[in-house]
Amino acid sequence: MLEVRREETLGTDAQTVWSLVSDFGNIADWHPACSASS
């Protein structure tokens, strides 16, 4: 099994970041490779 891991420190509190990334169906709101998501 292959593995990849990336991490980064962000200048905003964890709850604000979590509110964005945890909205599973809305990855197109923040990931540049996604033109649409549902």
PDB file of all heavy atoms in Angstrom:
ATOM      1  N   MET A   1       0.842  -1.177   0.000  1.00  0.00           N
ATOM      2  CA  MET A   1       0.000   0.000   0.000  1.00  0.00           C
ATOM      3  C   MET A   1       0.890   1.244   0.000  1.00  0.00           C
ATOM      4  O   MET A   1       1.850   1.313   0.746  1.00  0.00           O
ATOM      5  CB  MET A   1      -0.916  -0.033   1.219  1.00  0.00           C
ATOM      6  CG  MET A   1      -1.927   1.043   1.217  1.00  0.00           C
ATOM      7  SD  MET A   1      -3.695   0.689   1.401  1.00  0.00           S
ATOM      8  CE  MET A   1      -4.196  -0.457   0.209  1.00  0.00           C
ATOM      9  N   LEU A   2       0.567   2.190  -0.862  1.00  0.00           N
ATOM     10  CA  LEU A   2       1.304   3.452  -0.953  1.00  0.00           C
ATOM     11  C   LEU A   2       0.671   4.467  -0.018  1.00  0.00           C
ATOM     12  O   LEU A   2      -0.524   4.397   0.278  1.00  0.00           O
ATOM     13  CB  LEU A   2       1.256   3.970  -2.386  1.00  0.00           C
ATOM     14  CG  LEU A   2       1.761   3.012  -3.456  1.00  0.00           C
ATOM     15  CD1 LEU A   2       1.475   3.570  -4.840  1.00  0.00           C
ATOM     16  CD2 LEU A   2       3.235   2.732  -3.264  1.00  0.00           C
ATOM     17  N   GLU A   3       1.464   5.437   0.420  1.00  0.00           N
ATOM     18  CA  GLU A   3       0.952   6.482   1.306  1.00  0.00           C
ATOM     19  C   GLU A   3       1.474   7.841   0.884  1.00  0.00           C
ATOM     20  O   GLU A   3       2.607   7.964   0.442  1.00  0.00           O
ATOM     21  CB  GLU A   3       1.358   6.203   2.758  1.00  0.00           C
ATOM     22  CG  GLU A   3       0.743   4.940   3.306  1.00  0.00           C
ATOM     23  CD  GLU A   3       1.051   4.716   4.773  1.00  0.00           C
ATOM     24  OE1 GLU A   3       1.742   5.551   5.388  1.00  0.00           O
ATOM     25  OE2 GLU A   3       0.608   3.686   5.301  1.00  0.00           O
ATOM     26  N   VAL A   4       0.598   8.843   1.055  1.00  0.00           N
ATOM     27  CA  VAL A   4       0.966  10.241   0.835  1.00  0.00           C
ATOM     28  C   VAL A   4       0.400  11.030   1.997  1.00  0.00           C
ATOM     29  O   VAL A   4      -0.730  10.786   2.436  1.00  0.00           O
ATOM     30  CB  VAL A   4       0.397  10.784  -0.499  1.00  0.00           C
ATOM     31  CG1 VAL A   4       0.597  12.282  -0.612  1.00  0.00           C
ATOM     32  CG2 VAL A   4       1.037  10.080  -1.681  1.00  0.00           C
ATOM     33  N   ARG A   5       1.189  11.980   2.487  1.00  0.00           N
ATOM     34  CA  ARG A   5       0.745  12.826   3.603  1.00  0.00           C
ATOM     35  C   ARG A   5       1.284  14.237   3.376  1.00  0.00           C
ATOM     36  O   ARG A   5       2.468  14.408   3.069  1.00  0.00           O
ATOM     37  CB  ARG A   5       1.280  12.262   4.916  1.00  0.00           C
ATOM     38  CG  ARG A   5       0.947  13.090   6.140  1.00  0.00           C
ATOM     39  CD  ARG A   5       1.666  12.497   7.362  1.00  0.00           C
ATOM     40  NE  ARG A   5       1.419  13.261   8.543  1.00  0.00           N
ATOM     41  CZ  ARG A   5       0.540  12.943   9.486  1.00  0.00           C
ATOM     42  NH1 ARG A   5      -0.161  11.830   9.357  1.00  0.00           N
ATOM     43  NH2 ARG A   5       0.370  13.686  10.540  1.00  0.00           N
ATOM     44  N   ARG A   6       0.414  15.210   3.519  1.00  0.00           N
ATOM     45  CA  ARG A   6       0.812  16.604   3.428  1.00  0.00           C
ATOM     46  C   ARG A   6       0.161  17.356   4.590  1.00  0.00           C
ATOM     47  O   ARG A   6      -0.960  17.049   4.981  1.00  0.00           O
ATOM     48  CB  ARG A   6       0.370  17.236   2.103  1.00  0.00           C
ATOM     49  CG  ARG A   6       1.037  16.633   0.880  1.00  0.00           C
ATOM     50  CD  ARG A   6       2.536  16.929   0.853  1.00  0.00           C
ATOM     51  NE  ARG A   6       3.177  16.475  -0.354  1.00  0.00           N
ATOM     52  CZ  ARG A   6       3.738  15.275  -0.515  1.00  0.00           C
ATOM     53  NH1 ARG A   6       3.693  14.377   0.463  1.00  0.00           N
ATOM     54  NH2 ARG A   6       4.338  14.954  -1.652  1.00  0.00           N
ATOM     55  N   GLU A   7       0.870  18.341   5.114  1.00  0.00           N
ATOM     56  CA  GLU A   7       0.310  19.163   6.179  1.00  0.00           C
ATOM     57  C   GLU A   7       0.855  20.573   6.088  1.00  0.00           C
ATOM     58  O   GLU A   7       1.910  20.797   5.498  1.00  0.00           O
ATOM     59  CB  GLU A   7       0.527  18.540   7.555  1.00  0.00           C
ATOM     60  CG  GLU A   7       1.916  18.099   7.874  1.00  0.00           C
ATOM     61  CD  GLU A   7       1.987  17.307   9.179  1.00  0.00           C
ATOM     62  OE1 GLU A   7       0.954  16.982   9.784  1.00  0.00           O
ATOM     63  OE2 GLU A   7       3.101  17.019   9.589  1.00  0.00           O
ATOM     64  N   GLU A   8       0.098  21.486   6.678  1.00  0.00           N
ATOM     65  CA  GLU A   8       0.469  22.895   6.601  1.00  0.00           C
ATOM     66  C   GLU A   8      -0.140  23.624   7.790  1.00  0.00           C
ATOM     67  O   GLU A   8      -1.259  23.316   8.225  1.00  0.00           O
ATOM     68  CB  GLU A   8      -0.067  23.507   5.304  1.00  0.00           C
ATOM     69  CG  GLU A   8       0.260  24.963   5.102  1.00  0.00           C
ATOM     70  CD  GLU A   8       1.744  25.205   4.867  1.00  0.00           C
ATOM     71  OE1 GLU A   8       2.273  24.751   3.840  1.00  0.00           O
ATOM     72  OE2 GLU A   8       2.356  25.862   5.736  1.00  0.00           O
ATOM     73  N   THR A   9       0.585  24.594   8.308  1.00  0.00           N
ATOM     74  CA  THR A   9       0.061  25.463   9.352  1.00  0.00           C
ATOM     75  C   THR A   9      -0.617  26.645   8.681  1.00  0.00           C
ATOM     76  O   THR A   9      -0.064  27.248   7.754  1.00  0.00           O
ATOM     77  CB  THR A   9       1.187  25.935  10.284  1.00  0.00           C
ATOM     78  OG1 THR A   9       1.797  24.785  10.875  1.00  0.00           O
ATOM     79  CG2 THR A   9       0.654  26.838  11.380  1.00  0.00           C
ATOM     80  N   LEU A  10      -1.819  26.961   9.149  1.00  0.00           N
ATOM     81  CA  LEU A  10      -2.607  28.069   8.601  1.00  0.00           C
ATOM     82  C   LEU A  10      -2.770  29.142   9.671  1.00  0.00           C
ATOM     83  O   LEU A  10      -2.795  28.836  10.866  1.00  0.00           O
ATOM     84  CB  LEU A  10      -3.973  27.562   8.138  1.00  0.00           C
ATOM     85  CG  LEU A  10      -3.942  26.396   7.146  1.00  0.00           C
ATOM     86  CD1 LEU A  10      -5.352  25.881   6.885  1.00  0.00           C
ATOM     87  CD2 LEU A  10      -3.268  26.803   5.851  1.00  0.00           C
ATOM     88  N   GLY A  11      -2.957  30.376   9.251  1.00  0.00           N
ATOM     89  CA  GLY A  11      -3.041  31.492  10.173  1.00  0.00           C
ATOM     90  C   GLY A  11      -4.430  31.761  10.714  1.00  0.00           C
ATOM     91  O   GLY A  11      -4.672  32.822  11.278  1.00  0.00           O
ATOM     92  N   THR A  12      -5.352  30.844  10.540  1.00  0.00           N
ATOM     93  CA  THR A  12      -6.734  30.995  10.989  1.00  0.00           C
ATOM     94  C   THR A  12      -7.058  29.864  11.949  1.00  0.00           C
ATOM     95  O   THR A  12      -6.521  28.771  11.823  1.00  0.00           O
ATOM     96  CB  THR A  12      -7.688  30.966   9.775  1.00  0.00           C
ATOM     97  OG1 THR A  12      -7.304  32.014   8.882  1.00  0.00           O
ATOM     98  CG2 THR A  12      -9.127  31.164  10.175  1.00  0.00           C
ATOM     99  N   ASP A  13      -7.962  30.129  12.874  1.00  0.00           N
ATOM    100  CA  ASP A  13      -8.312  29.121  13.878  1.00  0.00           C
ATOM    101  C   ASP A  13      -8.887  27.857  13.239  1.00  0.00           C
ATOM    102  O   ASP A  13      -9.459  27.885  12.145  1.00  0.00           O
ATOM    103  CB  ASP A  13      -9.313  29.700  14.889  1.00  0.00           C
ATOM    104  CG  ASP A  13     -10.644  30.026  14.246  1.00  0.00           C
ATOM    105  OD1 ASP A  13     -10.745  31.084  13.589  1.00  0.00           O
ATOM    106  OD2 ASP A  13     -11.575  29.201  14.371  1.00  0.00           O
ATOM    107  N   ALA A  14      -8.725  26.762  13.947  1.00  0.00           N
ATOM    108  CA  ALA A  14      -9.119  25.453  13.425  1.00  0.00           C
ATOM    109  C   ALA A  14     -10.609  25.377  13.122  1.00  0.00           C
ATOM    110  O   ALA A  14     -11.008  24.762  12.131  1.00  0.00           O
ATOM    111  CB  ALA A  14      -8.718  24.356  14.423  1.00  0.00           C
ATOM    112  N   GLN A  15     -11.447  25.993  13.932  1.00  0.00           N
ATOM    113  CA  GLN A  15     -12.897  25.899  13.703  1.00  0.00           C
ATOM    114  C   GLN A  15     -13.294  26.552  12.377  1.00  0.00           C
ATOM    115  O   GLN A  15     -14.150  26.034  11.661  1.00  0.00           O
ATOM    116  CB  GLN A  15     -13.684  26.516  14.860  1.00  0.00           C
ATOM    117  CG  GLN A  15     -15.183  26.321  14.748  1.00  0.00           C
ATOM    118  CD  GLN A  15     -15.588  24.848  14.637  1.00  0.00           C
ATOM    119  OE1 GLN A  15     -15.163  24.018  15.425  1.00  0.00           O
ATOM    120  NE2 GLN A  15     -16.410  24.514  13.644  1.00  0.00           N
ATOM    121  N   THR A  16     -12.679  27.665  12.031  1.00  0.00           N
ATOM    122  CA  THR A  16     -12.986  28.337  10.767  1.00  0.00           C
ATOM    123  C   THR A  16     -12.576  27.462   9.584  1.00  0.00           C
ATOM    124  O   THR A  16     -13.348  27.298   8.629  1.00  0.00           O
ATOM    125  CB  THR A  16     -12.276  29.707  10.699  1.00  0.00           C
ATOM    126  OG1 THR A  16     -12.748  30.513  11.791  1.00  0.00           O
ATOM    127  CG2 THR A  16     -12.545  30.412   9.390  1.00  0.00           C
ATOM    128  N   VAL A  17     -11.387  26.889   9.646  1.00  0.00           N
ATOM    129  CA  VAL A  17     -10.920  26.008   8.576  1.00  0.00           C
ATOM    130  C   VAL A  17     -11.812  24.774   8.498  1.00  0.00           C
ATOM    131  O   VAL A  17     -12.243  24.363   7.414  1.00  0.00           O
ATOM    132  CB  VAL A  17      -9.444  25.623   8.785  1.00  0.00           C
ATOM    133  CG1 VAL A  17      -8.986  24.637   7.717  1.00  0.00           C
ATOM    134  CG2 VAL A  17      -8.556  26.862   8.780  1.00  0.00           C
ATOM    135  N   TRP A  18     -12.125  24.190   9.659  1.00  0.00           N
ATOM    136  CA  TRP A  18     -12.963  22.991   9.703  1.00  0.00           C
ATOM    137  C   TRP A  18     -14.339  23.272   9.108  1.00  0.00           C
ATOM    138  O   TRP A  18     -14.882  22.438   8.379  1.00  0.00           O
ATOM    139  CB  TRP A  18     -13.084  22.475  11.130  1.00  0.00           C
ATOM    140  CG  TRP A  18     -13.984  21.297  11.263  1.00  0.00           C
ATOM    141  CD1 TRP A  18     -15.192  21.247  11.903  1.00  0.00           C
ATOM    142  CD2 TRP A  18     -13.764  19.983  10.737  1.00  0.00           C
ATOM    143  NE1 TRP A  18     -15.729  19.993  11.803  1.00  0.00           N
ATOM    144  CE2 TRP A  18     -14.880  19.191  11.093  1.00  0.00           C
ATOM    145  CE3 TRP A  18     -12.752  19.400   9.990  1.00  0.00           C
ATOM    146  CZ2 TRP A  18     -14.997  17.861  10.726  1.00  0.00           C
ATOM    147  CZ3 TRP A  18     -12.859  18.069   9.627  1.00  0.00           C
ATOM    148  CH2 TRP A  18     -13.976  17.314   9.994  1.00  0.00           C
ATOM    149  N   SER A  19     -14.905  24.413   9.381  1.00  0.00           N
ATOM    150  CA  SER A  19     -16.231  24.751   8.846  1.00  0.00           C
ATOM    151  C   SER A  19     -16.238  24.702   7.321  1.00  0.00           C
ATOM    152  O   SER A  19     -17.233  24.311   6.715  1.00  0.00           O
ATOM    153  CB  SER A  19     -16.670  26.136   9.317  1.00  0.00           C
ATOM    154  OG  SER A  19     -16.900  26.122  10.708  1.00  0.00           O
ATOM    155  N   LEU A  20     -15.135  25.053   6.715  1.00  0.00           N
ATOM    156  CA  LEU A  20     -15.048  25.024   5.255  1.00  0.00           C
ATOM    157  C   LEU A  20     -14.784  23.604   4.746  1.00  0.00           C
ATOM    158  O   LEU A  20     -15.530  23.088   3.916  1.00  0.00           O
ATOM    159  CB  LEU A  20     -13.944  25.968   4.774  1.00  0.00           C
ATOM    160  CG  LEU A  20     -13.734  26.021   3.260  1.00  0.00           C
ATOM    161  CD1 LEU A  20     -14.967  26.590   2.558  1.00  0.00           C
ATOM    162  CD2 LEU A  20     -12.499  26.845   2.929  1.00  0.00           C
ATOM    163  N   VAL A  21     -13.731  22.954   5.229  1.00  0.00           N
ATOM    164  CA  VAL A  21     -13.324  21.672   4.649  1.00  0.00           C
ATOM    165  C   VAL A  21     -14.246  20.515   5.034  1.00  0.00           C
ATOM    166  O   VAL A  21     -14.319  19.524   4.302  1.00  0.00           O
ATOM    167  CB  VAL A  21     -11.856  21.309   4.966  1.00  0.00           C
ATOM    168  CG1 VAL A  21     -10.914  22.361   4.426  1.00  0.00           C
ATOM    169  CG2 VAL A  21     -11.621  21.054   6.432  1.00  0.00           C
ATOM    170  N   SER A  22     -14.955  20.627   6.133  1.00  0.00           N
ATOM    171  CA  SER A  22     -15.824  19.522   6.562  1.00  0.00           C
ATOM    172  C   SER A  22     -17.149  19.483   5.815  1.00  0.00           C
ATOM    173  O   SER A  22     -17.893  18.509   5.935  1.00  0.00           O
ATOM    174  CB  SER A  22     -16.094  19.603   8.068  1.00  0.00           C
ATOM    175  OG  SER A  22     -16.873  20.752   8.379  1.00  0.00           O
ATOM    176  N   ASP A  23     -17.439  20.509   5.040  1.00  0.00           N
ATOM    177  CA  ASP A  23     -18.653  20.513   4.220  1.00  0.00           C
ATOM    178  C   ASP A  23     -18.361  19.632   3.001  1.00  0.00           C
ATOM    179  O   ASP A  23     -17.971  20.112   1.929  1.00  0.00           O
ATOM    180  CB  ASP A  23     -19.004  21.944   3.823  1.00  0.00           C
ATOM    181  CG  ASP A  23     -20.350  22.048   3.156  1.00  0.00           C
ATOM    182  OD1 ASP A  23     -21.008  21.005   2.926  1.00  0.00           O
ATOM    183  OD2 ASP A  23     -20.754  23.180   2.838  1.00  0.00           O
ATOM    184  N   PHE A  24     -18.518  18.338   3.190  1.00  0.00           N
ATOM    185  CA  PHE A  24     -18.026  17.310   2.274  1.00  0.00           C
ATOM    186  C   PHE A  24     -18.418  17.549   0.819  1.00  0.00           C
ATOM    187  O   PHE A  24     -17.603  17.406  -0.084  1.00  0.00           O
ATOM    188  CB  PHE A  24     -18.520  15.938   2.755  1.00  0.00           C
ATOM    189  CG  PHE A  24     -17.928  14.771   2.041  1.00  0.00           C
ATOM    190  CD1 PHE A  24     -16.581  14.474   2.165  1.00  0.00           C
ATOM    191  CD2 PHE A  24     -18.715  13.942   1.260  1.00  0.00           C
ATOM    192  CE1 PHE A  24     -16.018  13.376   1.515  1.00  0.00           C
ATOM    193  CE2 PHE A  24     -18.172  12.834   0.616  1.00  0.00           C
ATOM    194  CZ  PHE A  24     -16.820  12.557   0.739  1.00  0.00           C
ATOM    195  N   GLY A  25     -19.637  17.917   0.579  1.00  0.00           N
ATOM    196  CA  GLY A  25     -20.117  18.085  -0.782  1.00  0.00           C
ATOM    197  C   GLY A  25     -19.688  19.368  -1.459  1.00  0.00           C
ATOM    198  O   GLY A  25     -19.906  19.548  -2.658  1.00  0.00           O
ATOM    199  N   ASN A  26     -19.059  20.268  -0.725  1.00  0.00           N
ATOM    200  CA  ASN A  26     -18.705  21.569  -1.286  1.00  0.00           C
ATOM    201  C   ASN A  26     -17.203  21.772  -1.457  1.00  0.00           C
ATOM    202  O   ASN A  26     -16.705  22.886  -1.332  1.00  0.00           O
ATOM    203  CB  ASN A  26     -19.298  22.692  -0.426  1.00  0.00           C
ATOM    204  CG  ASN A  26     -20.793  22.794  -0.614  1.00  0.00           C
ATOM    205  OD1 ASN A  26     -21.291  22.679  -1.725  1.00  0.00           O
ATOM    206  ND2 ASN A  26     -21.509  22.975   0.472  1.00  0.00           N
ATOM    207  N   ILE A  27     -16.497  20.721  -1.790  1.00  0.00           N
ATOM    208  CA  ILE A  27     -15.048  20.836  -1.983  1.00  0.00           C
ATOM    209  C   ILE A  27     -14.707  21.822  -3.107  1.00  0.00           C
ATOM    210  O   ILE A  27     -13.660  22.459  -3.087  1.00  0.00           O
ATOM    211  CB  ILE A  27     -14.404  19.451  -2.225  1.00  0.00           C
ATOM    212  CG1 ILE A  27     -12.868  19.552  -2.189  1.00  0.00           C
ATOM    213  CG2 ILE A  27     -14.940  18.812  -3.497  1.00  0.00           C
ATOM    214  CD1 ILE A  27     -12.152  18.213  -2.210  1.00  0.00           C
ATOM    215  N   ALA A  28     -15.603  21.989  -4.061  1.00  0.00           N
ATOM    216  CA  ALA A  28     -15.349  22.939  -5.160  1.00  0.00           C
ATOM    217  C   ALA A  28     -15.286  24.379  -4.649  1.00  0.00           C
ATOM    218  O   ALA A  28     -14.756  25.246  -5.349  1.00  0.00           O
ATOM    219  CB  ALA A  28     -16.410  22.810  -6.247  1.00  0.00           C
ATOM    220  N   ASP A  29     -15.779  24.622  -3.436  1.00  0.00           N
ATOM    221  CA  ASP A  29     -15.702  25.966  -2.862  1.00  0.00           C
ATOM    222  C   ASP A  29     -14.280  26.363  -2.486  1.00  0.00           C
ATOM    223  O   ASP A  29     -14.004  27.538  -2.301  1.00  0.00           O
ATOM    224  CB  ASP A  29     -16.596  26.084  -1.625  1.00  0.00           C
ATOM    225  CG  ASP A  29     -18.067  26.122  -1.971  1.00  0.00           C
ATOM    226  OD1 ASP A  29     -18.416  26.234  -3.164  1.00  0.00           O
ATOM    227  OD2 ASP A  29     -18.894  26.025  -1.033  1.00  0.00           O
ATOM    228  N   TRP A  30     -13.396  25.378  -2.348  1.00  0.00           N
ATOM    229  CA  TRP A  30     -12.031  25.722  -1.923  1.00  0.00           C
ATOM    230  C   TRP A  30     -10.914  25.005  -2.684  1.00  0.00           C
ATOM    231  O   TRP A  30      -9.789  25.474  -2.679  1.00  0.00           O
ATOM    232  CB  TRP A  30     -11.860  25.512  -0.417  1.00  0.00           C
ATOM    233  CG  TRP A  30     -12.095  24.109   0.057  1.00  0.00           C
ATOM    234  CD1 TRP A  30     -13.279  23.565   0.448  1.00  0.00           C
ATOM    235  CD2 TRP A  30     -11.118  23.069   0.198  1.00  0.00           C
ATOM    236  NE1 TRP A  30     -13.105  22.252   0.803  1.00  0.00           N
ATOM    237  CE2 TRP A  30     -11.787  21.919   0.687  1.00  0.00           C
ATOM    238  CE3 TRP A  30      -9.747  22.995  -0.037  1.00  0.00           C
ATOM    239  CZ2 TRP A  30     -11.125  20.727   0.924  1.00  0.00           C
ATOM    240  CZ3 TRP A  30      -9.085  21.795   0.214  1.00  0.00           C
ATOM    241  CH2 TRP A  30      -9.776  20.682   0.696  1.00  0.00           C
ATOM    242  N   HIS A  31     -11.194  23.893  -3.328  1.00  0.00           N
ATOM    243  CA  HIS A  31     -10.114  23.173  -4.028  1.00  0.00           C
ATOM    244  C   HIS A  31     -10.056  23.617  -5.487  1.00  0.00           C
ATOM    245  O   HIS A  31     -11.034  23.474  -6.219  1.00  0.00           O
ATOM    246  CB  HIS A  31     -10.322  21.663  -3.941  1.00  0.00           C
ATOM    247  CG  HIS A  31      -9.080  20.892  -4.233  1.00  0.00           C
ATOM    248  ND1 HIS A  31      -8.469  20.910  -5.468  1.00  0.00           N
ATOM    249  CD2 HIS A  31      -8.311  20.107  -3.443  1.00  0.00           C
ATOM    250  CE1 HIS A  31      -7.384  20.161  -5.423  1.00  0.00           C
ATOM    251  NE2 HIS A  31      -7.271  19.661  -4.195  1.00  0.00           N
ATOM    252  N   PRO A  32      -8.925  24.131  -5.932  1.00  0.00           N
ATOM    253  CA  PRO A  32      -8.835  24.697  -7.283  1.00  0.00           C
ATOM    254  C   PRO A  32      -8.981  23.686  -8.422  1.00  0.00           C
ATOM    255  O   PRO A  32      -9.286  24.076  -9.547  1.00  0.00           O
ATOM    256  CB  PRO A  32      -7.449  25.347  -7.311  1.00  0.00           C
ATOM    257  CG  PRO A  32      -6.657  24.612  -6.283  1.00  0.00           C
ATOM    258  CD  PRO A  32      -7.650  24.246  -5.211  1.00  0.00           C
ATOM    259  N   ALA A  33      -8.786  22.403  -8.166  1.00  0.00           N
ATOM    260  CA  ALA A  33      -8.928  21.405  -9.230  1.00  0.00           C
ATOM    261  C   ALA A  33     -10.381  21.033  -9.494  1.00  0.00           C
ATOM    262  O   ALA A  33     -10.685  20.401 -10.497  1.00  0.00           O
ATOM    263  CB  ALA A  33      -8.142  20.137  -8.876  1.00  0.00           C
ATOM    264  N   CYS A  34     -11.274  21.435  -8.602  1.00  0.00           N
ATOM    265  CA  CYS A  34     -12.687  21.056  -8.708  1.00  0.00           C
ATOM    266  C   CYS A  34     -13.489  22.186  -9.329  1.00  0.00           C
ATOM    267  O   CYS A  34     -13.558  23.277  -8.776  1.00  0.00           O
ATOM    268  CB  CYS A  34     -13.247  20.736  -7.323  1.00  0.00           C
ATOM    269  SG  CYS A  34     -12.329  19.473  -6.441  1.00  0.00           S
ATOM    270  N   SER A  35     -14.109  21.920 -10.461  1.00  0.00           N
ATOM    271  CA  SER A  35     -14.940  22.948 -11.085  1.00  0.00           C
ATOM    272  C   SER A  35     -16.370  22.894 -10.561  1.00  0.00           C
ATOM    273  O   SER A  35     -17.093  23.880 -10.631  1.00  0.00           O
ATOM    274  CB  SER A  35     -14.915  22.808 -12.605  1.00  0.00           C
ATOM    275  OG  SER A  35     -15.373  21.535 -13.010  1.00  0.00           O
ATOM    276  N   ALA A  36     -16.776  21.743 -10.020  1.00  0.00           N
ATOM    277  CA  ALA A  36     -18.109  21.608  -9.423  1.00  0.00           C
ATOM    278  C   ALA A  36     -18.089  20.409  -8.475  1.00  0.00           C
ATOM    279  O   ALA A  36     -17.289  19.493  -8.637  1.00  0.00           O
ATOM    280  CB  ALA A  36     -19.168  21.391 -10.504  1.00  0.00           C
ATOM    281  N   SER A  37     -18.976  20.456  -7.494  1.00  0.00           N
ATOM    282  CA  SER A  37     -19.131  19.316  -6.592  1.00  0.00           C
ATOM    283  C   SER A  37     -20.540  19.327  -6.040  1.00  0.00           C
ATOM    284  O   SER A  37     -21.179  20.370  -5.942  1.00  0.00           O
ATOM    285  CB  SER A  37     -18.104  19.359  -5.451  1.00  0.00           C
ATOM    286  OG  SER A  37     -18.244  20.532  -4.675  1.00  0.00           O
ATOM    287  N   SER A  38     -21.009  18.134  -5.692  1.00  0.00           N
ATOM    288  CA  SER A  38     -22.345  18.009  -5.096  1.00  0.00           C
ATOM    289  C   SER A  38     -22.330  16.814  -4.154  1.00  0.00           C
ATOM    290  O   SER A  38     -21.429  15.985  -4.192  1.00  0.00           O
ATOM    291  CB  SER A  38     -23.400  17.821  -6.184  1.00  0.00           C
ATOM    292  OG  SER A  38     -23.138  16.632  -6.919  1.00  0.00           O
TER     293      SER A  38
END
